[in-house]
C-alpha atoms as a PDB file:
ATOM      1  CA  MET A   1       0.103  -0.083  -0.017  1.00  0.00           C
ATOM      2  CA  ALA A   2       1.931   3.370  -0.950  1.00  0.00           C
ATOM      3  CA  VAL A   3       0.821   6.277   1.049  1.00  0.00           C
ATOM      4  CA  ALA A   4       2.106   9.922   0.731  1.00  0.00           C
ATOM      5  CA  PRO A   5       2.218  12.532   3.786  1.00  0.00           C
ATOM      6  CA  VAL A   6      -0.158  15.384   2.781  1.00  0.00           C
ATOM      7  CA  ASP A   7       0.262  17.741   5.586  1.00  0.00           C
ATOM      8  CA  ALA A   8       1.572  17.816   9.342  1.00  0.00           C
ATOM      9  CA  GLU A   9       0.117  19.703  12.470  1.00  0.00           C
ATOM     10  CA  THR A  10       1.896  21.315  15.104  1.00  0.00           C
ATOM     11  CA  PRO A  11       2.983  19.475  17.918  1.00  0.00           C
ATOM     12  CA  ARG A  12       1.458  20.297  21.405  1.00  0.00           C
ATOM     13  CA  SER A  13       4.533  19.726  23.012  1.00  0.00           C
ATOM     14  CA  ARG A  14       8.110  21.051  22.161  1.00  0.00           C
ATOM     15  CA  GLN A  15       9.560  17.728  23.634  1.00  0.00           C
ATOM     16  CA  LEU A  16       8.605  14.565  21.842  1.00  0.00           C
ATOM     17  CA  GLY A  17       9.494  12.405  25.284  1.00  0.00           C
ATOM     18  CA  VAL A  18       8.984   8.845  25.322  1.00  0.00           C
ATOM     19  CA  GLY A  19       7.255   7.392  28.462  1.00  0.00           C
ATOM     20  CA  ASP A  20       6.954   3.792  29.814  1.00  0.00           C
ATOM     21  CA  GLY A  21       3.319   3.833  28.880  1.00  0.00           C
ATOM     22  CA  ASP A  22       3.893   4.561  25.077  1.00  0.00           C
ATOM     23  CA  ARG A  23       2.196   2.038  22.618  1.00  0.00           C
ATOM     24  CA  LEU A  24       2.497   1.544  18.644  1.00  0.00           C
ATOM     25  CA  ALA A  25      -0.670   1.115  16.609  1.00  0.00           C
ATOM     26  CA  LEU A  26      -1.554   1.841  13.217  1.00  0.00           C
ATOM     27  CA  ILE A  27      -5.464   1.107  11.998  1.00  0.00           C
ATOM     28  CA  GLY A  28      -7.063   1.941   8.797  1.00  0.00           C
ATOM     29  CA  PRO A  29     -10.194   4.652   8.121  1.00  0.00           C
ATOM     30  CA  ARG A  30     -12.618   1.889   8.494  1.00  0.00           C
ATOM     31  CA  GLY A  31     -11.128   0.536  12.301  1.00  0.00           C
ATOM     32  CA  ASN A  32      -9.411  -2.279  10.790  1.00  0.00           C
ATOM     33  CA  ARG A  33      -6.167  -3.017  12.679  1.00  0.00           C
ATOM     34  CA  LEU A  34      -2.802  -2.619   9.850  1.00  0.00           C
ATOM     35  CA  ALA A  35      -0.142  -3.279  12.464  1.00  0.00           C
ATOM     36  CA  ALA A  36       0.443  -3.359  15.928  1.00  0.00           C
ATOM     37  CA  GLY A  37       2.838  -3.876  18.348  1.00  0.00           C
ATOM     38  CA  THR A  38       4.988  -1.932  21.363  1.00  0.00           C
ATOM     39  CA  SER A  39       7.565   0.463  19.916  1.00  0.00           C
ATOM     40  CA  GLY A  40       8.356   3.276  22.511  1.00  0.00           C
ATOM     41  CA  VAL A  41       6.429   5.463  20.680  1.00  0.00           C
ATOM     42  CA  ALA A  42       2.186   5.740  20.268  1.00  0.00           C
ATOM     43  CA  VAL A  43       0.986   5.739  17.108  1.00  0.00           C
ATOM     44  CA  GLY A  44      -2.730   5.633  16.519  1.00  0.00           C
ATOM     45  CA  THR A  45      -5.057   6.560  13.928  1.00  0.00           C
ATOM     46  CA  ARG A  46      -8.268   9.017  13.851  1.00  0.00           C
ATOM     47  CA  THR A  47     -10.751   6.612  12.193  1.00  0.00           C
ATOM     48  CA  ARG A  48     -13.546   8.423  10.597  1.00  0.00           C
ATOM     49  CA  HIS A  49     -15.926   8.275  13.139  1.00  0.00           C
ATOM     50  CA  PRO A  50     -18.451  10.438  14.216  1.00  0.00           C
ATOM     51  CA  GLN A  51     -17.684   9.991  18.082  1.00  0.00           C
ATOM     52  CA  ARG A  52     -14.308   9.021  19.792  1.00  0.00           C
ATOM     53  CA  ALA A  53     -11.369   7.797  17.613  1.00  0.00           C
ATOM     54  CA  GLU A  54      -9.975   4.686  19.062  1.00  0.00           C
ATOM     55  CA  PHE A  55      -6.197   3.329  19.284  1.00  0.00           C
ATOM     56  CA  GLU A  56      -5.396  -0.141  19.433  1.00  0.00           C
ATOM     57  CA  SER A  57      -2.736  -1.158  21.580  1.00  0.00           C
ATOM     58  CA  GLY A  58      -2.434  -5.031  22.757  1.00  0.00           C
ATOM     59  CA  THR A  59      -5.068  -5.925  24.557  1.00  0.00           C
ATOM     60  CA  HIS A  60      -6.156  -2.326  25.453  1.00  0.00           C
ATOM     61  CA  THR A  61      -8.053   0.041  23.557  1.00  0.00           C
ATOM     62  CA  ILE A  62      -6.558   3.702  23.830  1.00  0.00           C
ATOM     63  CA  PHE A  63      -9.169   6.840  23.026  1.00  0.00           C
ATOM     64  CA  GLU A  64      -8.008  10.102  21.580  1.00  0.00           C
ATOM     65  CA  GLU A  65      -8.257  11.622  24.855  1.00  0.00           C
ATOM     66  CA  ASP A  66      -5.841   9.248  26.708  1.00  0.00           C
ATOM     67  CA  LEU A  67      -3.205  10.031  23.896  1.00  0.00           C
ATOM     68  CA  ASP A  68      -1.031  13.144  24.934  1.00  0.00           C
ATOM     69  CA  VAL A  69      -0.859  13.922  21.002  1.00  0.00           C
ATOM     70  CA  ARG A  70       2.514  15.676  20.037  1.00  0.00           C
ATOM     71  CA  LEU A  71       1.899  15.352  16.348  1.00  0.00           C
ATOM     72  CA  THR A  72      -0.381  14.322  13.607  1.00  0.00           C
ATOM     73  CA  VAL A  73       0.422  13.435  10.300  1.00  0.00           C
ATOM     74  CA  HIS A  74      -2.495  13.371   7.421  1.00  0.00           C
ATOM     75  CA  PHE A  75      -1.990  10.170   4.998  1.00  0.00           C
ATOM     76  CA  ASP A  76      -4.027   9.269   1.892  1.00  0.00           C
ATOM     77  CA  GLY A  77      -7.481   7.740   3.937  1.00  0.00           C
ATOM     78  CA  PHE A  78      -6.159   7.961   7.341  1.00  0.00           C
ATOM     79  CA  ASP A  79      -4.469   9.582   9.829  1.00  0.00           C
ATOM     80  CA  VAL A  80      -1.447   8.824  12.275  1.00  0.00           C
ATOM     81  CA  MET A  81      -0.967  10.737  15.762  1.00  0.00           C
ATOM     82  CA  LEU A  82       2.737  10.470  17.784  1.00  0.00           C
ATOM     83  CA  GLY A  83       2.342  10.882  21.157  1.00  0.00           C
ATOM     84  CA  HIS A  84       2.130   9.497  24.718  1.00  0.00           C
ATOM     85  CA  VAL A  85      -0.440   7.567  26.239  1.00  0.00           C
ATOM     86  CA  ALA A  86      -1.438   9.434  29.515  1.00  0.00           C
ATOM     87  CA  SER A  87      -3.767   7.010  30.561  1.00  0.00           C
ATOM     88  CA  VAL A  88      -4.818   3.317  30.031  1.00  0.00           C
ATOM     89  CA  PRO A  89      -8.037   1.978  30.976  1.00  0.00           C
ATOM     90  CA  THR A  90      -7.847  -0.784  33.558  1.00  0.00           C
ATOM     91  CA  PRO A  91     -10.093  -3.734  33.889  1.00  0.00           C
ATOM     92  CA  THR A  92     -11.774  -3.297  37.213  1.00  0.00           C
ATOM     93  CA  GLU A  93     -12.644  -7.182  37.280  1.00  0.00           C
ATOM     94  CA  PRO A  94     -10.615 -10.313  36.085  1.00  0.00           C
ATOM     95  CA  GLN A  95     -11.107 -12.601  33.438  1.00  0.00           C
ATOM     96  CA  PRO A  96     -13.735 -15.696  34.386  1.00  0.00           C
ATOM     97  CA  LEU A  97     -12.194 -18.600  35.617  1.00  0.00           C
ATOM     98  CA  SER A  98     -12.563 -21.587  32.849  1.00  0.00           C
ATOM     99  CA  ALA A  99     -11.097 -25.196  33.093  1.00  0.00           C
ATOM    100  CA  THR A 100     -10.501 -25.203  29.268  1.00  0.00           C
ATOM    101  CA  CYS A 101      -8.523 -22.632  27.312  1.00  0.00           C
ATOM    102  CA  PRO A 102     -10.505 -19.637  26.223  1.00  0.00           C
ATOM    103  CA  THR A 103      -8.391 -18.641  23.332  1.00  0.00           C
ATOM    104  CA  PRO A 104      -6.485 -21.818  21.809  1.00  0.00           C
ATOM    105  CA  ILE A 105      -3.174 -20.558  20.225  1.00  0.00           C
ATOM    106  CA  ARG A 106      -2.582 -21.872  16.909  1.00  0.00           C
ATOM    107  CA  ARG A 107       0.768 -20.542  16.553  1.00  0.00           C
ATOM    108  CA  PRO A 108       3.176 -20.982  19.207  1.00  0.00           C
ATOM    109  CA  TRP A 109       6.411 -19.914  19.624  1.00  0.00           C
ATOM    110  CA  LEU A 110       7.201 -22.721  22.555  1.00  0.00           C
ATOM    111  CA  ARG A 111       5.929 -25.746  23.677  1.00  0.00           C
ATOM    112  CA  ASN A 112       6.952 -28.238  26.121  1.00  0.00           C
ATOM    113  CA  ARG A 113       5.239 -31.122  27.822  1.00  0.00           C
ATOM    114  CA  TRP A 114       4.608 -31.447  31.663  1.00  0.00           C
ATOM    115  CA  ASP A 115       5.234 -35.203  32.934  1.00  0.00           C
ATOM    116  CA  ASP A 116       4.733 -36.461  36.911  1.00  0.00           C
ATOM    117  CA  LEU A 117       3.827 -32.974  37.977  1.00  0.00           C
ATOM    118  CA  ALA A 118       2.915 -32.262  41.714  1.00  0.00           C
ATOM    119  CA  PHE A 119       0.775 -29.608  43.047  1.00  0.00           C
ATOM    120  CA  VAL A 120       1.224 -28.198  47.033  1.00  0.00           C
ATOM    121  CA  HIS A 121      -0.436 -24.979  47.604  1.00  0.00           C
ATOM    122  CA  TRP A 122      -0.729 -23.015  50.832  1.00  0.00           C
ATOM    123  CA  ALA A 123      -2.924 -20.271  51.330  1.00  0.00           C
ATOM    124  CA  TYR A 124      -1.601 -16.849  52.472  1.00  0.00           C
ATOM    125  CA  PRO A 125      -2.204 -13.202  53.307  1.00  0.00           C
ATOM    126  CA  PRO A 126      -2.911 -11.229  50.210  1.00  0.00           C
ATOM    127  CA  ASP A 127      -0.496  -8.362  51.366  1.00  0.00           C
ATOM    128  CA  GLU A 128       2.239 -10.493  52.113  1.00  0.00           C
ATOM    129  CA  VAL A 129       2.181 -11.740  48.259  1.00  0.00           C
ATOM    130  CA  GLN A 130       1.408  -8.291  47.145  1.00  0.00           C
ATOM    131  CA  SER A 131       4.651  -7.189  48.565  1.00  0.00           C
ATOM    132  CA  LEU A 132       6.520  -9.210  46.494  1.00  0.00           C
ATOM    133  CA  LEU A 133       4.743  -8.251  43.156  1.00  0.00           C
ATOM    134  CA  PRO A 134       6.064  -5.635  40.759  1.00  0.00           C
ATOM    135  CA  ASP A 135       3.737  -2.662  39.779  1.00  0.00           C
ATOM    136  CA  GLY A 136       1.469  -3.572  37.376  1.00  0.00           C
ATOM    137  CA  LEU A 137       0.195  -6.849  38.651  1.00  0.00           C
ATOM    138  CA  ARG A 138      -2.303  -7.191  41.868  1.00  0.00           C
ATOM    139  CA  VAL A 139      -2.423 -10.493  43.665  1.00  0.00           C
ATOM    140  CA  ASP A 140      -5.310 -12.932  42.671  1.00  0.00           C
ATOM    141  CA  THR A 141      -7.494 -14.184  45.691  1.00  0.00           C
ATOM    142  CA  PHE A 142      -9.779 -17.145  46.504  1.00  0.00           C
ATOM    143  CA  ASP A 143     -12.579 -17.145  49.333  1.00  0.00           C
ATOM    144  CA  ASP A 144     -12.870 -20.594  50.526  1.00  0.00           C
ATOM    145  CA  GLY A 145     -15.012 -19.354  53.299  1.00  0.00           C
ATOM    146  CA  ALA A 146     -12.411 -18.105  55.754  1.00  0.00           C
ATOM    147  CA  GLY A 147     -11.696 -14.766  53.749  1.00  0.00           C
ATOM    148  CA  PRO A 148     -10.359 -13.919  50.434  1.00  0.00           C
ATOM    149  CA  MET A 149      -6.593 -15.242  50.708  1.00  0.00           C
ATOM    150  CA  ALA A 150      -3.450 -15.261  48.289  1.00  0.00           C
ATOM    151  CA  TRP A 151      -1.969 -18.709  47.285  1.00  0.00           C
ATOM    152  CA  VAL A 152       1.256 -19.875  46.622  1.00  0.00           C
ATOM    153  CA  SER A 153       2.398 -23.402  45.240  1.00  0.00           C
ATOM    154  CA  LEU A 154       5.553 -25.465  45.033  1.00  0.00           C
ATOM    155  CA  VAL A 155       5.552 -27.238  42.057  1.00  0.00           C
ATOM    156  CA  PRO A 156       8.016 -29.667  41.157  1.00  0.00           C
ATOM    157  CA  PHE A 157       7.539 -32.133  37.802  1.00  0.00           C
ATOM    158  CA  ARG A 158       9.556 -33.387  34.514  1.00  0.00           C
ATOM    159  CA  MET A 159       9.890 -30.981  32.108  1.00  0.00           C
ATOM    160  CA  ARG A 160      10.188 -32.908  28.300  1.00  0.00           C
ATOM    161  CA  ARG A 161       9.946 -31.674  24.868  1.00  0.00           C
ATOM    162  CA  ALA A 162      10.965 -27.940  25.729  1.00  0.00           C
ATOM    163  CA  GLY A 163      11.840 -25.239  23.585  1.00  0.00           C
ATOM    164  CA  PRO A 164      10.940 -23.265  20.497  1.00  0.00           C
ATOM    165  CA  ALA A 165       7.580 -24.932  18.522  1.00  0.00           C
ATOM    166  CA  PHE A 166       9.508 -24.405  15.024  1.00  0.00           C
ATOM    167  CA  VAL A 167      12.644 -26.312  16.534  1.00  0.00           C
ATOM    168  CA  PRO A 168      13.064 -30.177  16.773  1.00  0.00           C
ATOM    169  CA  PRO A 169      13.056 -31.195  20.784  1.00  0.00           C
ATOM    170  CA  LEU A 170      16.908 -31.616  20.991  1.00  0.00           C
ATOM    171  CA  PRO A 171      18.149 -34.574  23.041  1.00  0.00           C
ATOM    172  CA  TRP A 172      19.092 -34.427  26.938  1.00  0.00           C
ATOM    173  CA  ILE A 173      18.570 -30.337  26.568  1.00  0.00           C
ATOM    174  CA  SER A 174      14.782 -30.620  26.291  1.00  0.00           C
ATOM    175  CA  THR A 175      14.251 -33.071  29.018  1.00  0.00           C
ATOM    176  CA  PHE A 176      14.825 -32.084  32.703  1.00  0.00           C
ATOM    177  CA  ALA A 177      13.681 -31.922  36.188  1.00  0.00           C
ATOM    178  CA  GLU A 178      12.148 -28.437  37.544  1.00  0.00           C
ATOM    179  CA  THR A 179      10.818 -26.844  40.529  1.00  0.00           C
ATOM    180  CA  ASN A 180       8.963 -23.149  40.324  1.00  0.00           C
ATOM    181  CA  VAL A 181       7.356 -21.419  43.282  1.00  0.00           C
ATOM    182  CA  ARG A 182       4.589 -19.514  42.063  1.00  0.00           C
ATOM    183  CA  THR A 183       1.468 -17.083  43.137  1.00  0.00           C
ATOM    184  CA  TYR A 184      -1.495 -16.368  40.961  1.00  0.00           C
ATOM    185  CA  VAL A 185      -1.918 -12.556  39.634  1.00  0.00           C
ATOM    186  CA  VAL A 186      -4.183 -10.457  37.825  1.00  0.00           C
ATOM    187  CA  ASP A 187      -2.405  -8.238  35.144  1.00  0.00           C
ATOM    188  CA  SER A 188      -3.235  -4.528  33.922  1.00  0.00           C
ATOM    189  CA  ALA A 189      -5.225  -6.319  31.144  1.00  0.00           C
ATOM    190  CA  GLY A 190      -7.328  -8.516  33.189  1.00  0.00           C
ATOM    191  CA  HIS A 191      -5.764 -11.777  32.534  1.00  0.00           C
ATOM    192  CA  ARG A 192      -5.774 -14.070  35.709  1.00  0.00           C
ATOM    193  CA  ALA A 193      -2.091 -15.446  35.235  1.00  0.00           C
ATOM    194  CA  VAL A 194       0.788 -17.022  37.010  1.00  0.00           C
ATOM    195  CA  TRP A 195       3.571 -15.264  38.444  1.00  0.00           C
ATOM    196  CA  PHE A 196       6.993 -17.231  38.944  1.00  0.00           C
ATOM    197  CA  LEU A 197       8.924 -16.308  42.255  1.00  0.00           C
ATOM    198  CA  SER A 198      11.477 -18.823  41.257  1.00  0.00           C
ATOM    199  CA  LEU A 199      11.956 -21.728  38.942  1.00  0.00           C
ATOM    200  CA  ASP A 200      14.652 -24.199  39.675  1.00  0.00           C
ATOM    201  CA  ALA A 201      15.919 -26.342  36.376  1.00  0.00           C
ATOM    202  CA  ALA A 202      18.749 -28.684  35.937  1.00  0.00           C
ATOM    203  CA  ARG A 203      19.759 -27.751  32.355  1.00  0.00           C
ATOM    204  CA  LEU A 204      22.202 -24.772  32.703  1.00  0.00           C
ATOM    205  CA  PRO A 205      21.063 -24.035  28.627  1.00  0.00           C
ATOM    206  CA  VAL A 206      17.358 -23.601  29.432  1.00  0.00           C
ATOM    207  CA  VAL A 207      17.944 -21.449  32.237  1.00  0.00           C
ATOM    208  CA  ALA A 208      20.214 -19.027  30.418  1.00  0.00           C
ATOM    209  CA  PHE A 209      17.611 -18.915  27.714  1.00  0.00           C
ATOM    210  CA  ALA A 210      14.679 -18.517  29.924  1.00  0.00           C
ATOM    211  CA  ARG A 211      16.480 -15.690  31.942  1.00  0.00           C
ATOM    212  CA  TRP A 212      17.402 -13.609  28.867  1.00  0.00           C
ATOM    213  CA  ALA A 213      14.809 -14.242  26.449  1.00  0.00           C
ATOM    214  CA  ILE A 214      11.929 -14.563  28.425  1.00  0.00           C
ATOM    215  CA  GLY A 215      12.552 -12.910  31.743  1.00  0.00           C
ATOM    216  CA  PHE A 216      11.844 -15.786  34.341  1.00  0.00           C
ATOM    217  CA  PRO A 217      13.754 -16.057  37.463  1.00  0.00           C
ATOM    218  CA  TYR A 218      15.402 -19.334  36.489  1.00  0.00           C
ATOM    219  CA  VAL A 219      17.899 -20.975  38.742  1.00  0.00           C
ATOM    220  CA  TRP A 220      20.432 -23.752  37.394  1.00  0.00           C
ATOM    221  CA  ALA A 221      20.200 -26.544  40.182  1.00  0.00           C
ATOM    222  CA  SER A 222      21.082 -30.409  40.822  1.00  0.00           C
ATOM    223  CA  MET A 223      18.021 -32.149  40.906  1.00  0.00           C
ATOM    224  CA  ARG A 224      16.486 -35.498  40.521  1.00  0.00           C
ATOM    225  CA  ILE A 225      12.988 -37.100  40.612  1.00  0.00           C
ATOM    226  CA  ALA A 226      12.289 -40.939  41.513  1.00  0.00           C
ATOM    227  CA  LYS A 227       9.250 -43.097  41.624  1.00  0.00           C
ATOM    228  CA  SER A 228       8.651 -45.921  44.039  1.00  0.00           C
ATOM    229  CA  GLY A 229       5.119 -47.634  43.612  1.00  0.00           C
ATOM    230  CA  ASP A 230       2.513 -44.998  44.181  1.00  0.00           C
ATOM    231  CA  GLN A 231       4.578 -42.276  45.566  1.00  0.00           C
ATOM    232  CA  TRP A 232       7.044 -39.732  43.854  1.00  0.00           C
ATOM    233  CA  SER A 233      10.280 -38.123  45.297  1.00  0.00           C
ATOM    234  CA  TYR A 234      11.138 -34.539  43.935  1.00  0.00           C
ATOM    235  CA  THR A 235      14.551 -33.450  45.362  1.00  0.00           C
ATOM    236  CA  THR A 236      16.563 -30.063  44.561  1.00  0.00           C
ATOM    237  CA  VAL A 237      19.934 -30.735  46.074  1.00  0.00           C
ATOM    238  CA  GLN A 238      21.853 -27.689  45.328  1.00  0.00           C
ATOM    239  CA  ARG A 239      21.781 -24.388  43.124  1.00  0.00           C
ATOM    240  CA  ARG A 240      24.443 -23.617  41.385  1.00  0.00           C
ATOM    241  CA  TRP A 241      23.657 -20.434  39.253  1.00  0.00           C
ATOM    242  CA  PRO A 242      22.802 -17.933  41.003  1.00  0.00           C
ATOM    243  CA  ARG A 243      23.748 -19.720  44.267  1.00  0.00           C
ATOM    244  CA  ARG A 244      22.006 -17.074  46.010  1.00  0.00           C
ATOM    245  CA  PRO A 245      19.673 -17.147  47.644  1.00  0.00           C
ATOM    246  CA  THR A 246      20.159 -20.814  48.518  1.00  0.00           C
ATOM    247  CA  ALA A 247      17.342 -23.332  48.551  1.00  0.00           C
ATOM    248  CA  THR A 248      16.998 -26.880  48.978  1.00  0.00           C
ATOM    249  CA  THR A 249      13.529 -29.320  48.299  1.00  0.00           C
ATOM    250  CA  GLN A 250      12.956 -32.898  48.896  1.00  0.00           C
ATOM    251  CA  VAL A 251       9.139 -33.386  48.744  1.00  0.00           C
ATOM    252  CA  VAL A 252       7.691 -37.059  48.879  1.00  0.00           C
ATOM    253  CA  ILE A 253       3.905 -37.516  47.777  1.00  0.00           C
ATOM    254  CA  GLU A 254       1.721 -40.406  47.756  1.00  0.00           C
ATOM    255  CA  VAL A 255      -0.794 -40.255  44.776  1.00  0.00           C
ATOM    256  CA  GLY A 256      -4.476 -41.398  45.200  1.00  0.00           C
ATOM    257  CA  ASP A 257      -7.539 -41.702  42.996  1.00  0.00           C
ATOM    258  CA  MET A 258      -8.492 -39.437  40.240  1.00  0.00           C
ATOM    259  CA  ILE A 259     -10.834 -36.564  41.408  1.00  0.00           C
ATOM    260  CA  GLU A 260     -13.068 -34.349  39.839  1.00  0.00           C
ATOM    261  CA  PRO A 261     -11.609 -30.558  39.918  1.00  0.00           C
ATOM    262  CA  THR A 262     -13.203 -28.578  42.653  1.00  0.00           C
ATOM    263  CA  GLU A 263     -13.733 -24.593  42.493  1.00  0.00           C
ATOM    264  CA  LEU A 264     -10.241 -24.059  43.971  1.00  0.00           C
ATOM    265  CA  ASP A 265      -8.734 -26.690  41.680  1.00  0.00           C
ATOM    266  CA  VAL A 266      -9.719 -24.535  38.598  1.00  0.00           C
ATOM    267  CA  PHE A 267      -8.293 -21.134  40.246  1.00  0.00           C
ATOM    268  CA  LEU A 268      -4.897 -22.906  41.249  1.00  0.00           C
ATOM    269  CA  THR A 269      -4.533 -25.194  37.901  1.00  0.00           C
ATOM    270  CA  ALA A 270      -6.429 -23.522  35.284  1.00  0.00           C
ATOM    271  CA  ARG A 271      -4.074 -20.477  34.227  1.00  0.00           C
ATOM    272  CA  TRP A 272      -4.248 -19.435  30.864  1.00  0.00           C
ATOM    273  CA  GLY A 273      -1.134 -17.300  30.824  1.00  0.00           C
ATOM    274  CA  THR A 274       1.900 -16.425  32.711  1.00  0.00           C
ATOM    275  CA  VAL A 275       3.434 -13.094  33.459  1.00  0.00           C
ATOM    276  CA  ALA A 276       7.161 -12.349  33.257  1.00  0.00           C
ATOM    277  CA  ALA A 277       9.397  -9.065  33.809  1.00  0.00           C
ATOM    278  CA  ARG A 278      11.821  -8.297  30.850  1.00  0.00           C
ATOM    279  CA  GLY A 279      13.855  -5.061  30.537  1.00  0.00           C
ATOM    280  CA  GLY A 280      11.500  -3.241  33.379  1.00  0.00           C
ATOM    281  CA  ARG A 281       8.481  -4.206  31.711  1.00  0.00           C
ATOM    282  CA  LEU A 282       5.843  -6.751  32.142  1.00  0.00           C
ATOM    283  CA  ARG A 283       4.385  -9.203  29.147  1.00  0.00           C
ATOM    284  CA  HIS A 284       1.735 -11.387  29.570  1.00  0.00           C
ATOM    285  CA  HIS A 285       2.587 -15.151  27.590  1.00  0.00           C
ATOM    286  CA  ALA A 286      -0.570 -16.761  26.822  1.00  0.00           C
ATOM    287  CA  VAL A 287      -0.770 -20.497  27.644  1.00  0.00           C
ATOM    288  CA  ASP A 288      -2.746 -23.082  25.899  1.00  0.00           C
ATOM    289  CA  HIS A 289      -3.299 -26.880  26.593  1.00  0.00           C
ATOM    290  CA  SER A 290      -6.037 -29.542  27.430  1.00  0.00           C
ATOM    291  CA  PRO A 291      -7.778 -29.501  30.654  1.00  0.00           C
ATOM    292  CA  TRP A 292      -5.945 -30.767  33.883  1.00  0.00           C
ATOM    293  CA  VAL A 293      -6.875 -34.647  34.772  1.00  0.00           C
ATOM    294  CA  LEU A 294      -6.246 -34.390  38.837  1.00  0.00           C
ATOM    295  CA  HIS A 295      -5.282 -36.530  41.463  1.00  0.00           C
ATOM    296  CA  ASP A 296      -5.548 -36.458  45.130  1.00  0.00           C
ATOM    297  CA  ALA A 297      -2.215 -36.536  46.773  1.00  0.00           C
ATOM    298  CA  ASP A 298      -0.682 -36.439  50.433  1.00  0.00           C
ATOM    299  CA  VAL A 299       2.539 -35.319  51.617  1.00  0.00           C
ATOM    300  CA  VAL A 300       4.847 -38.135  52.931  1.00  0.00           C
ATOM    301  CA  MET A 301       7.636 -35.829  53.536  1.00  0.00           C
ATOM    302  CA  LEU A 302       8.389 -32.157  53.128  1.00  0.00           C
ATOM    303  CA  ALA A 303      11.640 -30.185  53.666  1.00  0.00           C
ATOM    304  CA  ASP A 304      11.622 -26.834  51.987  1.00  0.00           C
ATOM    305  CA  SER A 305      13.501 -23.620  51.572  1.00  0.00           C
ATOM    306  CA  ALA A 306      12.408 -22.514  48.027  1.00  0.00           C
ATOM    307  CA  VAL A 307       9.378 -20.881  49.598  1.00  0.00           C
ATOM    308  CA  THR A 308      11.106 -18.865  52.368  1.00  0.00           C
ATOM    309  CA  ALA A 309      13.893 -18.009  49.952  1.00  0.00           C
ATOM    310  CA  CYS A 310      11.354 -16.126  47.776  1.00  0.00           C
ATOM    311  CA  GLY A 311      10.879 -13.769  50.837  1.00  0.00           C
ATOM    312  CA  LEU A 312       7.524 -15.506  51.954  1.00  0.00           C
ATOM    313  CA  SER A 313       7.466 -16.321  55.888  1.00  0.00           C
ATOM    314  CA  ALA A 314       7.038 -20.316  56.110  1.00  0.00           C
ATOM    315  CA  PRO A 315       3.816 -22.020  54.994  1.00  0.00           C
ATOM    316  CA  ALA A 316       1.307 -22.351  57.713  1.00  0.00           C
ATOM    317  CA  GLY A 317      -1.300 -25.146  57.993  1.00  0.00           C
ATOM    318  CA  GLU A 318      -2.041 -28.030  55.994  1.00  0.00           C
ATOM    319  CA  PRO A 319      -1.182 -27.895  52.295  1.00  0.00           C
ATOM    320  CA  VAL A 320      -3.802 -29.131  49.206  1.00  0.00           C
ATOM    321  CA  VAL A 321      -1.771 -31.470  47.326  1.00  0.00           C
ATOM    322  CA  ARG A 322      -2.667 -32.596  43.966  1.00  0.00           C
ATOM    323  CA  TRP A 323      -0.487 -34.823  41.037  1.00  0.00           C
ATOM    324  CA  ALA A 324      -1.311 -34.275  37.339  1.00  0.00           C
ATOM    325  CA  GLU A 325      -1.506 -36.682  34.559  1.00  0.00           C
ATOM    326  CA  PRO A 326       0.628 -35.325  31.711  1.00  0.00           C
ATOM    327  CA  LEU A 327       0.040 -32.743  29.311  1.00  0.00           C
ATOM    328  CA  ASP A 328       1.512 -31.023  26.402  1.00  0.00           C
ATOM    329  CA  ALA A 329       1.911 -27.285  26.218  1.00  0.00           C
ATOM    330  CA  ARG A 330       1.808 -24.265  23.891  1.00  0.00           C
ATOM    331  CA  PHE A 331       2.952 -20.680  24.626  1.00  0.00           C
ATOM    332  CA  GLY A 332       2.086 -17.535  22.590  1.00  0.00           C
ATOM    333  CA  TRP A 333       4.367 -14.633  21.773  1.00  0.00           C
ATOM    334  CA  PRO A 334       4.786 -12.016  24.370  1.00  0.00           C
ATOM    335  CA  VAL A 335       2.159  -9.428  24.721  1.00  0.00           C
ATOM    336  CA  ARG A 336       3.357  -5.817  26.874  1.00  0.00           C
ATOM    337  CA  VAL A 337       0.732  -5.089  29.628  1.00  0.00           C
END
């Protein structure tokens, strides 16, 4: 499509400064989106509607009054505005819970398989968990009758087939033990997502890639997983890099019968995205997989310091414990939130 500038309006400000709220979007005269992304400046179009002009910005909709317009260039058929997003509407309510993925991912950029996975969940005061979250995230809570509580989970499992979706799984590197400590959040777009407080993994290349490319706080560790009858044992022997904060985990669970997921199970497991911080900015990574098939489980032995190493107090009370059937997961391309 060939377009030629016709004229330009005088900027409202002498400084074309760029802030954290800046976005990029290009929308045609009928409101159809031509291109969009995030790149330091806000560009929108004044569509030829009689009322408010809209500016697409990832999962947000930006209106003209939210854009501090610095420069407008008129093209043949549409206008382009350069400016800074002064305010972005934030949903007051999180998206509804769903046991099945509401938005399947057709073109994933990452894929992996989660095997031999255990969930060990504890309730925490919301303020304590919120204090560990970055600006832009709020803790998600569940009320099981004792008032709204935040939740923190210790999740050990075996990762398989890990890597970019367009690259065949690599021997050895793509299969490894992992244990993560996670909590549950709502981002500025209303996504109910997972926020990782720590992730221990047994493959240094995976740790380096995930820290650099995604922003997950991975740690390279010496780990092992073993099975004996109905019991599963997950052990983190030592953190290798980064070594601080130090943490070890040894948890043994006994797997029981398959169960129908409760409302709390859905809240804790049916999370269709993760949020990571990279370069000082939050990005949401959509996740798509089949519904969880869960078993009841009991803790036989637990000695863990990974949860407290994240800055939390020691867990109190009996945990909710589950074991999950294997499933394959797909991750969408990150979107800034």
